[in-house]
Amino acid sequence: MSVFSGKSFAVVGLGKAGLPAARRLREWGAGVTVWDDGEAARAAAAAEGFAPVRPSESGRSFDALVLSPGIPHRLPAPHPEAGWAAARGIPILTDAELLYQGVRGLGSRARFAGVTGTNGKSTTTALLAHILEVAGVPHAAGANLGPAALSLPVLPDEGVYVLEMSSYMLERLAALRFDAAAMLNLSPDHLDRHGGMAGYAAAKRAIFARQDAGCTAVIGVDDDASREMAAWLRGGPARVVEISGAGRRTGARALAGEHNAQNAEAAAALARALGVGAADIAAGIESFPGLAHRAQEVAMREGVRFINDSKATNADAASRAMSVFPRFVWIAGGIAKAGGIEPLAPLFPRIEAAFLIGRDGPAFARRLTAAGVANDYAGTLEEAVPAAFAAAKAGSGVVLFSPACASFDQFADFEARGARFTALAQGGA
């Protein structure tokens, strides 16, 4: 296929998104220059026939720089290659943008559904894909969740791409238009990358860019920032569907809590916009198996339930799992986001004991002590899990691992952190 024949792209960052992007762009006829600051990533690219070189030192011109989402192009400081590209007016794009351009260039009219929000976007993306599977609709899901966007197959006209879009990706779009898009909720996150809450909200709002009267915009209204966005959307051309999980439950075991009621409403609204019938939507919600590391019960030992909510990398996400259980033993800590656990104060009475880990565990311990919550700084999961197990056996029977923090002080990512908790919960060493 030669949809990008005559085009030249620089791909910087050769991890989960970058190397698949380079492969697909080459397959689609483009000239591709690749670079990664890590020697191992460059070696992996070289093994696939690429010749890594800094774009700024290649002597070539480029139609766009495809920059991996985790690499900044503006704040807090641009990567040198991004700064070089910006100074020369070279567009800086995400791989989802080039998936859209490539699919359209190949003549497919497959529709695009996008999901964003501070929390819940992975569950909503996976749930929508599951509903489409139940309904027999050809689809492919990925981007921020699962496979990289440019590794997804070319779908037929009746197909649907379901893309989880991070704020980092939404900053780097040019033509992609989502036929159906959802913005679930907004709470402070990634503020260093966006220059504050206003910049973060603006990045999230970009999921609705270029929508017209034939498109659907789904917007959560359970927080003030999202309600402001909803008011803005009402003045636009797209059909607006407002959703809320407040006071609601789905009845599906894998979708417990008000937050998952909101996720289910969003997925249902998107599915309806894509032409899926009510019976298939209901069947999809009921049969959804859930996602790993998201309020997932991973063990039951001696009457104690172990809940792995490692994906809760900020306080708002942790509040969702904490709200499900009336009493629990809490394991939390890591690298805290702005505000720490202060937003969780209304839920402190539910905590019968807390065991803290990681870099900011001591700060959490001080805040909990001030609130009269029993706690101990355990340091690591290896110490925290057995202590929490003993406390839960004597009390609530629930150990909730919902860290309210990023994982990078002790783990490669939240998946590795959740896997370690799961192994310990199941009695492993």
Protein backbone atom coordinates (compact mmCIF):
# COMPACT_ATOMS: atom_id res chain seq x y z
CA MET A 1 0.00 0.00 0.00
CA SER A 2 1.34 3.43 -0.90
CA VAL A 3 -1.08 5.86 0.72
CA PHE A 4 1.89 7.90 2.03
CA SER A 5 4.09 7.53 -1.03
CA GLY A 6 6.26 10.61 -1.41
CA LYS A 7 5.77 11.59 2.24
CA SER A 8 8.56 11.67 4.79
CA PHE A 9 8.06 11.26 8.53
CA ALA A 10 10.34 11.46 11.54
CA VAL A 11 9.37 9.15 14.41
CA VAL A 12 10.84 10.02 17.81
CA GLY A 13 10.29 7.66 20.73
CA LEU A 14 10.35 4.00 19.72
CA GLY A 15 8.36 2.39 22.51
CA LYS A 16 4.79 1.13 22.54
CA ALA A 17 3.55 3.64 19.96
CA GLY A 18 6.66 4.71 18.07
CA LEU A 19 8.06 1.52 16.57
CA PRO A 20 4.64 0.26 15.39
CA ALA A 21 4.10 3.71 13.83
CA ALA A 22 7.41 3.50 11.99
CA ARG A 23 6.56 0.02 10.69
CA ARG A 24 3.12 1.03 9.40
CA LEU A 25 4.30 4.27 7.83
CA ARG A 26 7.01 2.37 5.98
CA GLU A 27 4.43 -0.23 4.90
CA TRP A 28 2.23 2.58 3.59
CA GLY A 29 5.03 3.91 1.39
CA ALA A 30 6.50 6.74 3.45
CA GLY A 31 10.11 7.54 4.00
CA VAL A 32 10.75 7.09 7.74
CA THR A 33 13.54 8.42 9.94
CA VAL A 34 13.56 7.08 13.50
CA TRP A 35 15.18 8.11 16.76
CA ASP A 36 15.05 7.23 20.44
CA ASP A 37 17.26 8.54 23.23
CA GLY A 38 17.64 5.00 24.53
CA GLU A 39 20.29 2.74 23.03
CA ALA A 40 18.22 -0.43 23.44
CA ALA A 41 15.27 1.07 21.57
CA ARG A 42 17.55 2.19 18.75
CA ALA A 43 19.00 -1.32 18.55
CA ALA A 44 15.50 -2.82 18.34
CA ALA A 45 14.68 -0.46 15.47
CA ALA A 46 17.93 -1.25 13.70
CA ALA A 47 17.08 -4.96 13.92
CA GLU A 48 13.97 -4.18 11.86
CA GLY A 49 15.90 -2.43 9.12
CA PHE A 50 15.69 1.17 10.33
CA ALA A 51 18.77 3.37 10.62
CA PRO A 52 18.27 5.49 13.74
CA VAL A 53 19.47 9.08 13.44
CA ARG A 54 18.35 12.31 15.05
CA PRO A 55 15.94 14.01 12.62
CA SER A 56 17.71 17.31 13.26
CA GLU A 57 20.98 15.73 12.06
CA SER A 58 19.58 13.72 9.16
CA GLY A 59 19.73 16.47 6.55
CA ARG A 60 16.19 15.52 5.46
CA SER A 61 12.94 17.41 5.31
CA PHE A 62 9.79 15.99 6.90
CA ASP A 63 6.05 16.27 6.43
CA ALA A 64 5.54 15.65 10.15
CA LEU A 65 7.22 14.57 13.35
CA VAL A 66 5.43 11.65 15.01
CA LEU A 67 6.27 12.11 18.67
CA SER A 68 5.43 9.44 21.25
CA PRO A 69 2.79 10.74 23.68
CA GLY A 70 5.01 10.65 26.76
CA ILE A 71 7.60 12.97 25.22
CA PRO A 72 6.80 16.69 25.70
CA HIS A 73 6.74 19.05 22.75
CA ARG A 74 6.04 22.25 24.71
CA LEU A 75 5.85 21.94 28.51
CA PRO A 76 7.53 21.52 30.91
CA ALA A 77 10.35 21.65 28.35
CA PRO A 78 10.28 20.44 24.74
CA HIS A 79 12.37 17.48 23.69
CA PRO A 80 15.23 18.81 21.54
CA GLU A 81 13.87 17.15 18.39
CA ALA A 82 10.42 18.58 19.06
CA GLY A 83 11.91 22.04 19.55
CA TRP A 84 13.82 21.66 16.30
CA ALA A 85 10.67 20.61 14.42
CA ALA A 86 8.53 23.40 15.89
CA ALA A 87 11.10 26.03 14.93
CA ARG A 88 10.85 24.86 11.32
CA GLY A 89 7.07 24.65 11.19
CA ILE A 90 7.04 20.86 10.97
CA PRO A 91 3.71 19.54 12.31
CA ILE A 92 4.03 17.44 15.47
CA LEU A 93 1.42 14.66 15.37
CA THR A 94 0.29 11.59 17.26
CA ASP A 95 -0.02 8.19 15.61
CA ALA A 96 -3.84 8.24 15.86
CA GLU A 97 -3.85 11.21 13.49
CA LEU A 98 -1.90 9.27 10.88
CA LEU A 99 -4.15 6.23 11.33
CA TYR A 100 -7.07 8.47 10.39
CA GLN A 101 -5.25 9.99 7.41
CA GLY A 102 -4.11 6.57 6.22
CA VAL A 103 -7.51 4.90 6.54
CA ARG A 104 -9.19 7.73 4.68
CA GLY A 105 -6.45 7.73 2.06
CA LEU A 106 -7.11 4.03 1.46
CA GLY A 107 -10.77 4.77 0.82
CA SER A 108 -12.30 3.35 3.99
CA ARG A 109 -15.23 5.25 5.51
CA ALA A 110 -14.90 3.42 8.84
CA ARG A 111 -16.10 5.56 11.72
CA PHE A 112 -13.99 6.78 14.61
CA ALA A 113 -15.11 6.81 18.25
CA GLY A 114 -12.89 8.53 20.81
CA VAL A 115 -12.89 8.38 24.61
CA THR A 116 -11.07 10.68 27.02
CA GLY A 117 -11.33 11.92 30.60
CA THR A 118 -9.10 11.96 33.65
CA ASN A 119 -10.48 8.63 34.85
CA GLY A 120 -12.53 5.81 33.41
CA LYS A 121 -11.44 6.11 29.80
CA SER A 122 -9.85 2.65 29.60
CA THR A 123 -12.94 0.94 31.03
CA THR A 124 -15.25 2.92 28.73
CA THR A 125 -13.11 2.18 25.67
CA ALA A 126 -13.00 -1.54 26.45
CA LEU A 127 -16.72 -1.62 27.25
CA LEU A 128 -17.65 0.07 23.98
CA ALA A 129 -15.47 -2.39 22.06
CA HIS A 130 -17.17 -5.25 23.92
CA ILE A 131 -20.62 -3.91 23.04
CA LEU A 132 -19.60 -3.68 19.37
CA GLU A 133 -18.35 -7.27 19.57
CA VAL A 134 -21.71 -8.42 20.97
CA ALA A 135 -23.49 -6.49 18.21
CA GLY A 136 -21.34 -8.02 15.47
CA VAL A 137 -19.89 -4.68 14.35
CA PRO A 138 -16.37 -4.88 12.84
CA HIS A 139 -14.11 -2.88 15.14
CA ALA A 140 -10.60 -2.32 16.43
CA ALA A 141 -9.70 -0.74 19.77
CA GLY A 142 -6.44 0.78 20.88
CA ALA A 143 -4.31 3.96 21.06
CA ASN A 144 -3.70 4.91 24.71
CA LEU A 145 -5.23 1.57 25.73
CA GLY A 146 -3.98 -1.66 24.18
CA PRO A 147 -2.43 -1.76 20.71
CA ALA A 148 -0.87 1.37 19.26
CA ALA A 149 -3.16 3.22 16.86
CA LEU A 150 -0.99 2.60 13.81
CA SER A 151 -0.87 -1.13 14.50
CA LEU A 152 -4.65 -1.45 14.10
CA PRO A 153 -6.00 -3.07 10.91
CA VAL A 154 -7.71 -1.21 8.08
CA LEU A 155 -11.43 -1.68 8.66
CA PRO A 156 -14.23 -1.80 6.09
CA ASP A 157 -16.71 1.05 5.67
CA GLU A 158 -19.04 -0.39 8.31
CA GLY A 159 -16.21 -0.75 10.85
CA VAL A 160 -15.53 1.36 13.95
CA TYR A 161 -12.21 2.40 15.47
CA VAL A 162 -12.51 2.81 19.25
CA LEU A 163 -9.60 4.95 20.44
CA GLU A 164 -8.69 5.86 24.00
CA MET A 165 -7.20 9.33 23.76
CA SER A 166 -4.93 10.82 26.40
CA SER A 167 -4.48 14.56 26.78
CA TYR A 168 -0.99 14.12 25.38
CA MET A 169 -2.40 12.60 22.18
CA LEU A 170 -5.21 15.11 21.82
CA GLU A 171 -2.70 17.96 21.67
CA ARG A 172 -1.29 16.50 18.44
CA LEU A 173 -4.25 16.17 16.08
CA ALA A 174 -4.74 17.92 12.75
CA ALA A 175 -7.57 16.31 10.76
CA LEU A 176 -8.93 13.46 12.85
CA ARG A 177 -12.65 13.87 13.42
CA PHE A 178 -14.48 11.60 15.83
CA ASP A 179 -17.94 10.62 14.65
CA ALA A 180 -18.72 9.92 18.30
CA ALA A 181 -16.60 11.26 21.15
CA ALA A 182 -16.84 11.17 24.94
CA MET A 183 -15.18 13.27 27.62
CA LEU A 184 -15.99 11.60 30.94
CA ASN A 185 -14.65 13.79 33.76
CA LEU A 186 -11.94 16.25 34.67
CA SER A 187 -9.77 16.49 37.76
CA PRO A 188 -6.23 17.89 38.09
CA ASP A 189 -3.70 15.66 36.31
CA HIS A 190 -0.63 16.15 34.10
CA LEU A 191 -0.68 19.85 34.94
CA ASP A 192 3.05 20.23 34.29
CA ARG A 193 2.50 19.14 30.68
CA HIS A 194 -0.39 21.53 30.09
CA GLY A 195 0.59 24.59 32.08
CA GLY A 196 -2.26 24.25 34.58
CA MET A 197 -5.87 23.15 34.71
CA ALA A 198 -7.04 25.45 31.89
CA GLY A 199 -4.49 23.96 29.51
CA TYR A 200 -5.39 20.44 30.58
CA ALA A 201 -9.10 21.09 29.98
CA ALA A 202 -8.32 22.60 26.58
CA ALA A 203 -6.39 19.50 25.59
CA LYS A 204 -9.27 17.25 26.61
CA ARG A 205 -11.76 19.45 24.75
CA ALA A 206 -9.86 18.79 21.52
CA ILE A 207 -11.60 15.41 21.27
CA PHE A 208 -14.62 17.35 19.97
CA ALA A 209 -12.66 19.37 17.42
CA ARG A 210 -13.94 19.27 13.83
CA GLN A 211 -17.22 17.56 14.77
CA ASP A 212 -20.24 18.57 12.70
CA ALA A 213 -24.01 18.11 12.87
CA GLY A 214 -23.69 14.43 12.00
CA CYS A 215 -21.46 13.73 15.03
CA THR A 216 -22.26 12.98 18.67
CA ALA A 217 -20.51 14.58 21.66
CA VAL A 218 -20.94 12.71 24.96
CA ILE A 219 -20.02 14.68 28.06
CA GLY A 220 -19.98 13.81 31.75
CA VAL A 221 -21.61 16.33 34.08
CA ASP A 222 -20.52 15.02 37.48
CA ASP A 223 -17.81 17.64 38.11
CA ASP A 224 -17.62 21.40 37.68
CA ALA A 225 -14.96 21.43 34.96
CA SER A 226 -16.92 18.95 32.85
CA ARG A 227 -20.13 20.93 33.32
CA GLU A 228 -18.31 24.00 31.98
CA MET A 229 -17.27 21.97 28.95
CA ALA A 230 -20.83 20.76 28.48
CA ALA A 231 -22.05 24.36 28.38
CA TRP A 232 -19.46 25.12 25.72
CA LEU A 233 -20.49 22.08 23.69
CA ARG A 234 -24.13 23.13 23.60
CA GLY A 235 -23.09 26.00 21.36
CA GLY A 236 -21.47 23.69 18.83
CA PRO A 237 -22.82 21.76 15.86
CA ALA A 238 -22.64 18.21 17.26
CA ARG A 239 -25.50 16.45 19.00
CA VAL A 240 -24.72 16.63 22.73
CA VAL A 241 -25.51 13.80 25.17
CA GLU A 242 -24.94 14.58 28.86
CA ILE A 243 -24.25 11.65 31.19
CA SER A 244 -24.04 11.17 34.93
CA GLY A 245 -23.31 8.31 37.28
CA ALA A 246 -24.56 10.14 40.36
CA GLY A 247 -26.75 7.89 42.49
CA ARG A 248 -26.73 5.13 39.90
CA ARG A 249 -25.54 1.53 39.70
CA THR A 250 -25.25 -0.77 36.68
CA GLY A 251 -26.01 -4.08 38.41
CA ALA A 252 -23.08 -5.64 36.50
CA ARG A 253 -20.44 -7.10 38.85
CA ALA A 254 -17.54 -5.84 36.74
CA LEU A 255 -18.98 -2.31 36.75
CA ALA A 256 -19.58 -1.57 40.44
CA GLY A 257 -19.87 1.97 41.76
CA GLU A 258 -21.17 5.31 40.51
CA HIS A 259 -18.04 5.91 38.44
CA ASN A 260 -18.71 2.75 36.46
CA ALA A 261 -22.34 3.76 36.07
CA GLN A 262 -21.00 6.85 34.31
CA ASN A 263 -18.63 4.73 32.21
CA ALA A 264 -21.52 2.47 31.20
CA GLU A 265 -23.72 5.44 30.30
CA ALA A 266 -20.94 6.85 28.14
CA ALA A 267 -20.33 3.57 26.33
CA ALA A 268 -24.08 3.13 25.79
CA ALA A 269 -24.45 6.66 24.40
CA LEU A 270 -21.53 6.14 22.02
CA ALA A 271 -22.90 2.76 20.93
CA ARG A 272 -26.33 4.29 20.23
CA ALA A 273 -24.69 7.01 18.16
CA LEU A 274 -22.99 4.26 16.16
CA GLY A 275 -26.31 2.53 15.48
CA VAL A 276 -26.18 -0.30 18.02
CA GLY A 277 -29.57 -1.43 19.35
CA ALA A 278 -30.71 -1.38 22.97
CA ALA A 279 -30.70 -5.17 23.37
CA ASP A 280 -27.06 -5.49 22.27
CA ILE A 281 -26.03 -2.58 24.49
CA ALA A 282 -27.68 -4.18 27.54
CA ALA A 283 -26.17 -7.58 26.75
CA GLY A 284 -22.72 -6.03 26.32
CA ILE A 285 -22.85 -4.20 29.64
CA GLU A 286 -24.07 -7.29 31.48
CA SER A 287 -21.40 -9.58 30.02
CA PHE A 288 -18.46 -7.16 30.25
CA PRO A 289 -15.62 -8.92 32.12
CA GLY A 290 -13.91 -5.75 33.35
CA LEU A 291 -10.29 -4.65 33.10
CA ALA A 292 -7.26 -5.68 35.09
CA HIS A 293 -6.00 -3.29 37.81
CA ARG A 294 -9.32 -1.44 38.05
CA ALA A 295 -11.13 -2.38 41.28
CA GLN A 296 -10.44 -5.99 40.31
CA GLU A 297 -10.92 -8.73 42.90
CA VAL A 298 -7.76 -10.80 42.57
CA ALA A 299 -7.89 -13.10 45.61
CA MET A 300 -10.08 -14.37 48.42
CA ARG A 301 -8.15 -15.82 51.35
CA GLU A 302 -9.53 -16.75 54.75
CA GLY A 303 -12.57 -14.60 54.15
CA VAL A 304 -10.59 -11.56 53.01
CA ARG A 305 -11.17 -10.01 49.57
CA PHE A 306 -8.13 -8.44 47.90
CA ILE A 307 -8.98 -5.64 45.46
CA ASN A 308 -6.37 -4.54 42.93
CA ASP A 309 -7.02 -0.93 41.89
CA SER A 310 -3.46 -0.14 40.83
CA LYS A 311 -4.73 2.00 37.94
CA ALA A 312 -5.79 4.60 40.53
CA THR A 313 -2.83 6.91 39.95
CA ASN A 314 -4.49 9.98 41.46
CA ALA A 315 -6.86 10.78 44.31
CA ASP A 316 -9.93 11.15 42.12
CA ALA A 317 -9.43 7.67 40.68
CA ALA A 318 -8.88 6.21 44.16
CA SER A 319 -12.08 7.81 45.42
CA ARG A 320 -14.09 5.74 42.97
CA ALA A 321 -13.02 2.38 44.38
CA MET A 322 -13.05 3.66 47.96
CA SER A 323 -16.67 4.72 47.51
CA VAL A 324 -17.68 1.15 46.63
CA PHE A 325 -16.70 -0.33 50.03
CA PRO A 326 -18.23 0.87 53.31
CA ARG A 327 -15.15 -0.30 55.27
CA PHE A 328 -11.74 -1.47 54.14
CA VAL A 329 -8.06 -1.71 54.92
CA TRP A 330 -6.25 0.62 52.55
CA ILE A 331 -2.85 0.29 50.88
CA ALA A 332 -1.73 3.51 49.17
CA GLY A 333 1.31 5.55 48.24
CA GLY A 334 3.85 6.18 45.53
CA ILE A 335 4.43 9.48 43.75
CA ALA A 336 1.51 11.72 44.66
CA LYS A 337 -0.18 14.13 42.28
CA ALA A 338 -0.99 17.74 43.16
CA GLY A 339 -3.12 17.85 46.28
CA GLY A 340 -2.05 14.44 47.55
CA ILE A 341 -4.89 12.64 49.32
CA GLU A 342 -6.64 15.76 50.61
CA PRO A 343 -9.59 15.25 48.20
CA LEU A 344 -10.15 11.84 49.85
CA ALA A 345 -10.79 13.29 53.32
CA PRO A 346 -14.58 12.66 53.14
CA LEU A 347 -13.79 8.96 52.67
CA PHE A 348 -11.34 8.69 55.59
CA PRO A 349 -14.06 7.36 57.96
CA ARG A 350 -14.32 4.25 55.79
CA ILE A 351 -10.65 3.35 56.38
CA GLU A 352 -10.20 1.01 59.32
CA ALA A 353 -6.43 0.98 58.87
CA ALA A 354 -3.98 2.17 56.24
CA PHE A 355 -0.58 0.82 55.23
CA LEU A 356 1.46 3.28 53.20
CA ILE A 357 4.20 2.67 50.66
CA GLY A 358 6.50 4.57 48.37
CA ARG A 359 7.99 8.02 48.19
CA ASP A 360 4.99 9.96 49.46
CA GLY A 361 3.73 7.34 51.91
CA PRO A 362 5.15 9.27 54.91
CA ALA A 363 3.22 12.41 53.90
CA PHE A 364 0.05 10.33 53.58
CA ALA A 365 0.72 8.84 57.02
CA ARG A 366 0.98 12.29 58.57
CA ARG A 367 -2.30 13.40 56.99
CA LEU A 368 -4.13 10.25 58.11
CA THR A 369 -2.73 10.55 61.63
CA ALA A 370 -4.02 14.10 61.81
CA ALA A 371 -7.43 12.79 60.79
CA GLY A 372 -7.37 10.06 63.45
CA VAL A 373 -7.02 7.18 60.98
CA ALA A 374 -4.87 4.26 62.15
CA ASN A 375 -1.92 3.83 59.81
CA ASP A 376 1.60 2.55 59.42
CA TYR A 377 4.32 3.33 56.89
CA ALA A 378 5.18 -0.10 55.51
CA GLY A 379 7.42 1.16 52.71
CA THR A 380 6.88 -1.65 50.22
CA LEU A 381 4.08 -3.90 49.06
CA GLU A 382 6.02 -6.85 50.42
CA GLU A 383 5.55 -5.41 53.90
CA ALA A 384 2.14 -3.80 53.40
CA VAL A 385 0.16 -6.75 52.02
CA PRO A 386 0.70 -9.19 54.91
CA ALA A 387 0.02 -6.44 57.45
CA ALA A 388 -3.15 -5.40 55.64
CA PHE A 389 -4.26 -9.04 55.40
CA ALA A 390 -3.93 -9.46 59.16
CA ALA A 391 -5.86 -6.25 59.83
CA ALA A 392 -8.65 -7.15 57.39
CA LYS A 393 -9.07 -10.62 58.91
CA ALA A 394 -9.87 -8.97 62.21
CA GLY A 395 -12.17 -6.39 60.65
CA SER A 396 -13.85 -5.54 57.36
CA GLY A 397 -12.57 -8.47 55.31
CA VAL A 398 -11.48 -6.14 52.46
CA VAL A 399 -7.94 -5.12 51.46
CA LEU A 400 -8.13 -2.30 48.93
CA PHE A 401 -4.97 -1.45 47.02
CA SER A 402 -5.85 1.90 45.48
CA PRO A 403 -2.60 3.87 45.57
CA ALA A 404 -3.81 7.38 44.59
CA CYS A 405 -0.28 7.83 43.20
CA ALA A 406 1.89 7.19 40.20
CA SER A 407 4.03 4.06 40.40
CA PHE A 408 7.39 5.15 39.05
CA ASP A 409 9.24 5.37 42.35
CA GLN A 410 9.07 1.58 42.79
CA PHE A 411 7.63 0.06 39.58
CA ALA A 412 7.90 0.44 35.82
CA ASP A 413 4.17 1.20 35.54
CA PHE A 414 0.83 0.62 37.23
CA GLU A 415 0.50 -2.79 35.53
CA ALA A 416 3.72 -4.05 37.12
CA ARG A 417 2.61 -2.61 40.45
CA GLY A 418 -0.78 -4.32 40.20
CA ALA A 419 0.79 -7.61 39.17
CA ARG A 420 3.03 -7.53 42.25
CA PHE A 421 0.10 -6.81 44.54
CA THR A 422 -1.86 -9.64 42.93
CA ALA A 423 0.98 -12.12 43.42
CA LEU A 424 1.31 -11.16 47.10
CA ALA A 425 -2.45 -11.22 47.61
CA GLN A 426 -2.59 -14.73 46.24
CA GLY A 427 0.01 -15.86 48.76
CA GLY A 428 3.11 -15.55 46.62
CA ALA A 429 6.46 -14.39 47.91
